[in-house]
């Protein structure tokens, strides 16, 4: 299965993502640059984490307006799987591909540690390898991961099953409303999440809890 990784100035988790996609799929992803206006035919597009454009204005605000994001949006409309991790999640929100916003952590501090996630919805193309309510481990590393949505939007995404990951067992690191750690769009083919599943996909990482997300997204889950 083919994948692509979006590269933007300031992203620093692209190599981790490229390594994870290569290990899971057996094929290195193609890379697309900020000024690219077309993306090759792939099964999955990933926007990795980091600090695109130094997080100036707002996290992801400048990146969301780059030409490559118009190409990502078009692919998403065509039904291609799209995943944004950490800064990638922020970019997807700023680009309007997902609802809500990510604010400063309630601690006002950068958080880097492992958390526990509940798989809140297994009926998505990203989560079918997991069991309903399953608790998995995953690292986080962010300063602006506090997910927020107005009451109407929150009721809609909760009611329509768009919340796919929640921080579990009191490990919410940022104050996100309803412990939300990851959501999908209304069609289910665009996923944004703050934790970094690419850093827990093999024994060398200390576990494989994040691997199922990539296996599902690439269509190779058992």
Protein backbone atom coordinates (compact mmCIF):
# COMPACT_ATOMS: atom_id res chain seq x y z
CA UNK A 1 0.00 0.00 0.00
CA UNK A 2 1.29 3.45 -0.90
CA UNK A 3 1.59 6.40 1.45
CA UNK A 4 2.80 10.01 1.37
CA UNK A 5 4.25 12.28 4.05
CA UNK A 6 3.79 16.05 3.85
CA UNK A 7 6.96 18.05 4.57
CA UNK A 8 6.80 21.62 5.87
CA UNK A 9 9.46 23.92 7.35
CA UNK A 10 9.68 23.34 11.10
CA UNK A 11 8.25 19.83 11.19
CA UNK A 12 10.64 17.60 13.12
CA UNK A 13 8.83 14.28 13.33
CA UNK A 14 8.85 13.53 9.61
CA UNK A 15 11.68 10.99 9.86
CA UNK A 16 9.88 9.12 12.63
CA UNK A 17 6.75 8.99 10.49
CA UNK A 18 8.63 7.90 7.38
CA UNK A 19 10.35 5.14 9.36
CA UNK A 20 7.04 3.93 10.83
CA UNK A 21 5.25 3.84 7.49
CA UNK A 22 8.18 2.01 5.92
CA UNK A 23 8.27 -0.60 8.69
CA UNK A 24 4.53 -1.19 8.67
CA UNK A 25 3.96 -1.23 4.90
CA UNK A 26 7.36 -2.42 3.68
CA UNK A 27 7.45 0.49 1.22
CA UNK A 28 8.95 3.95 1.90
CA UNK A 29 6.39 6.74 1.56
CA UNK A 30 6.74 9.44 -1.05
CA UNK A 31 7.30 12.94 0.30
CA UNK A 32 5.52 16.07 -0.84
CA UNK A 33 6.74 19.61 -0.19
CA UNK A 34 4.85 22.73 0.90
CA UNK A 35 4.68 24.19 -2.61
CA UNK A 36 3.54 21.00 -4.33
CA UNK A 37 0.11 21.36 -5.87
CA UNK A 38 -0.43 17.68 -6.64
CA UNK A 39 -0.06 14.51 -4.60
CA UNK A 40 0.59 11.14 -6.29
CA UNK A 41 -2.01 8.38 -6.08
CA UNK A 42 -1.57 6.94 -2.60
CA UNK A 43 -3.72 5.17 -0.03
CA UNK A 44 -2.72 7.33 2.94
CA UNK A 45 -1.43 10.90 3.40
CA UNK A 46 0.19 11.81 6.73
CA UNK A 47 1.06 15.22 8.15
CA UNK A 48 3.60 14.62 10.94
CA UNK A 49 4.30 16.56 14.11
CA UNK A 50 6.68 19.37 14.95
CA UNK A 51 6.53 23.16 14.86
CA UNK A 52 5.60 24.16 11.32
CA UNK A 53 6.67 27.74 10.61
CA UNK A 54 7.74 28.08 14.24
CA UNK A 55 4.10 27.95 15.42
CA UNK A 56 3.85 31.66 14.57
CA UNK A 57 0.36 33.22 14.60
CA UNK A 58 -1.20 29.96 15.81
CA UNK A 59 0.01 26.38 15.66
CA UNK A 60 -0.61 25.17 12.10
CA UNK A 61 -2.11 28.47 10.91
CA UNK A 62 0.54 29.23 8.28
CA UNK A 63 0.99 25.62 7.19
CA UNK A 64 -2.75 25.26 6.59
CA UNK A 65 -2.53 27.93 3.90
CA UNK A 66 0.28 26.35 1.88
CA UNK A 67 -0.46 25.04 -1.64
CA UNK A 68 0.11 21.42 -0.59
CA UNK A 69 -2.82 21.63 1.83
CA UNK A 70 -5.21 22.43 -1.01
CA UNK A 71 -3.99 19.20 -2.62
CA UNK A 72 -4.50 17.32 0.67
CA UNK A 73 -8.03 18.70 0.95
CA UNK A 74 -8.85 17.58 -2.58
CA UNK A 75 -7.54 14.08 -1.90
CA UNK A 76 -9.60 13.95 1.30
CA UNK A 77 -12.73 14.92 -0.67
CA UNK A 78 -11.95 12.04 -3.03
CA UNK A 79 -11.96 9.64 -0.06
CA UNK A 80 -8.20 9.17 0.37
CA UNK A 81 -7.17 8.45 3.97
CA UNK A 82 -5.53 11.44 5.67
CA UNK A 83 -3.89 11.46 9.10
CA UNK A 84 -2.49 14.42 11.05
CA UNK A 85 -0.44 13.78 14.18
CA UNK A 86 0.24 16.50 16.79
CA UNK A 87 1.16 19.57 14.68
CA UNK A 88 -0.48 17.69 11.81
CA UNK A 89 -3.72 17.62 13.83
CA UNK A 90 -3.40 21.36 14.41
CA UNK A 91 -2.90 21.90 10.67
CA UNK A 92 -5.98 19.83 9.77
CA UNK A 93 -8.08 21.93 12.16
CA UNK A 94 -6.71 25.20 10.80
CA UNK A 95 -7.38 23.98 7.24
CA UNK A 96 -11.01 23.25 8.12
CA UNK A 97 -10.71 19.52 7.44
CA UNK A 98 -11.68 18.75 11.04
CA UNK A 99 -13.93 20.62 13.51
CA UNK A 100 -12.82 22.35 16.70
CA UNK A 101 -9.58 23.95 17.87
CA UNK A 102 -6.47 23.13 19.88
CA UNK A 103 -5.52 25.58 22.62
CA UNK A 104 -2.61 25.93 25.04
CA UNK A 105 -2.29 23.12 27.57
CA UNK A 106 -4.05 24.04 30.82
CA UNK A 107 -0.73 23.64 32.64
CA UNK A 108 0.79 26.26 30.27
CA UNK A 109 3.73 23.88 29.97
CA UNK A 110 5.10 21.62 27.25
CA UNK A 111 4.15 18.03 28.06
CA UNK A 112 6.27 15.05 26.98
CA UNK A 113 5.32 11.69 28.47
CA UNK A 114 3.35 8.53 27.88
CA UNK A 115 -0.43 8.53 28.27
CA UNK A 116 -3.18 5.96 28.03
CA UNK A 117 -5.83 6.16 25.34
CA UNK A 118 -9.28 4.61 25.18
CA UNK A 119 -10.34 3.54 21.69
CA UNK A 120 -13.73 5.22 21.72
CA UNK A 121 -14.90 4.14 18.26
CA UNK A 122 -13.65 1.04 16.46
CA UNK A 123 -15.96 1.52 13.47
CA UNK A 124 -13.56 3.74 11.53
CA UNK A 125 -10.94 2.93 8.88
CA UNK A 126 -8.24 3.83 11.43
CA UNK A 127 -9.36 1.80 14.45
CA UNK A 128 -10.80 -1.51 13.30
CA UNK A 129 -7.77 -3.43 14.59
CA UNK A 130 -8.74 -2.54 18.17
CA UNK A 131 -11.49 -3.66 20.54
CA UNK A 132 -14.22 -1.26 21.73
CA UNK A 133 -13.02 0.50 24.85
CA UNK A 134 -9.52 -0.96 24.56
CA UNK A 135 -6.86 0.95 26.48
CA UNK A 136 -3.58 1.48 24.66
CA UNK A 137 -0.35 3.30 25.51
CA UNK A 138 0.95 6.21 23.43
CA UNK A 139 3.53 9.01 23.84
CA UNK A 140 2.61 12.70 23.68
CA UNK A 141 4.81 15.76 23.15
CA UNK A 142 3.03 19.09 22.75
CA UNK A 143 2.36 22.55 24.16
CA UNK A 144 -0.99 23.25 22.47
CA UNK A 145 -3.02 20.05 22.64
CA UNK A 146 -6.05 21.20 24.60
CA UNK A 147 -8.93 20.24 22.28
CA UNK A 148 -11.99 22.49 22.40
CA UNK A 149 -15.22 22.79 20.46
CA UNK A 150 -18.37 24.84 21.03
CA UNK A 151 -21.36 23.06 22.57
CA UNK A 152 -23.12 22.45 19.26
CA UNK A 153 -20.02 21.06 17.55
CA UNK A 154 -19.15 18.94 20.57
CA UNK A 155 -22.64 17.44 20.70
CA UNK A 156 -22.46 16.65 16.99
CA UNK A 157 -19.07 14.93 17.00
CA UNK A 158 -19.94 12.99 20.14
CA UNK A 159 -23.33 11.97 18.77
CA UNK A 160 -21.97 10.93 15.39
CA UNK A 161 -19.07 8.90 16.75
CA UNK A 162 -16.36 11.20 15.47
CA UNK A 163 -14.41 10.99 18.73
CA UNK A 164 -12.14 7.98 18.23
CA UNK A 165 -9.54 8.37 21.01
CA UNK A 166 -9.85 9.68 24.57
CA UNK A 167 -7.23 10.11 27.25
CA UNK A 168 -7.91 7.35 29.76
CA UNK A 169 -7.33 6.59 33.42
CA UNK A 170 -6.64 10.17 34.44
CA UNK A 171 -3.79 10.69 31.97
CA UNK A 172 -5.26 13.70 30.13
CA UNK A 173 -2.10 15.82 29.69
CA UNK A 174 -3.62 19.04 28.40
CA UNK A 175 -7.17 19.60 29.67
CA UNK A 176 -8.94 18.58 26.44
CA UNK A 177 -12.71 18.76 26.72
CA UNK A 178 -14.27 15.32 27.26
CA UNK A 179 -10.72 13.90 27.34
CA UNK A 180 -10.66 14.04 23.53
CA UNK A 181 -7.34 12.91 22.04
CA UNK A 182 -8.34 12.19 18.45
CA UNK A 183 -11.25 12.73 16.07
CA UNK A 184 -12.30 11.89 12.53
CA UNK A 185 -14.28 13.98 10.04
CA UNK A 186 -17.91 13.21 9.25
CA UNK A 187 -16.90 10.82 6.43
CA UNK A 188 -14.38 9.00 8.61
CA UNK A 189 -11.38 9.19 6.28
CA UNK A 190 -9.57 12.13 7.96
CA UNK A 191 -8.06 11.51 11.41
CA UNK A 192 -6.39 14.01 13.70
CA UNK A 193 -4.78 13.02 17.00
CA UNK A 194 -2.33 14.63 19.40
CA UNK A 195 -0.46 11.49 20.60
CA UNK A 196 2.33 9.98 18.49
CA UNK A 197 1.43 6.38 17.49
CA UNK A 198 4.46 6.28 15.15
CA UNK A 199 6.66 6.07 18.25
CA UNK A 200 5.09 2.86 19.54
CA UNK A 201 4.95 0.44 16.61
CA UNK A 202 7.70 -2.11 17.34
CA UNK A 203 9.39 -3.94 20.19
CA UNK A 204 12.34 -1.53 20.09
CA UNK A 205 9.90 1.21 21.12
CA UNK A 206 8.75 -0.80 24.12
CA UNK A 207 5.46 -1.86 22.57
CA UNK A 208 3.29 -1.98 19.46
CA UNK A 209 0.12 -0.27 20.66
CA UNK A 210 0.20 2.36 17.90
CA UNK A 211 0.86 -0.02 15.03
CA UNK A 212 -2.79 -0.93 14.49
CA UNK A 213 -3.67 2.63 13.46
CA UNK A 214 -1.24 2.45 10.54
CA UNK A 215 -2.18 -1.12 9.62
CA UNK A 216 -5.83 -0.10 9.46
CA UNK A 217 -5.16 3.08 7.52
CA UNK A 218 -3.03 1.19 4.99
CA UNK A 219 -5.56 -1.62 4.67
CA UNK A 220 -3.23 -4.34 5.92
CA UNK A 221 -4.76 -5.03 9.34
CA UNK A 222 -5.60 -8.67 9.99
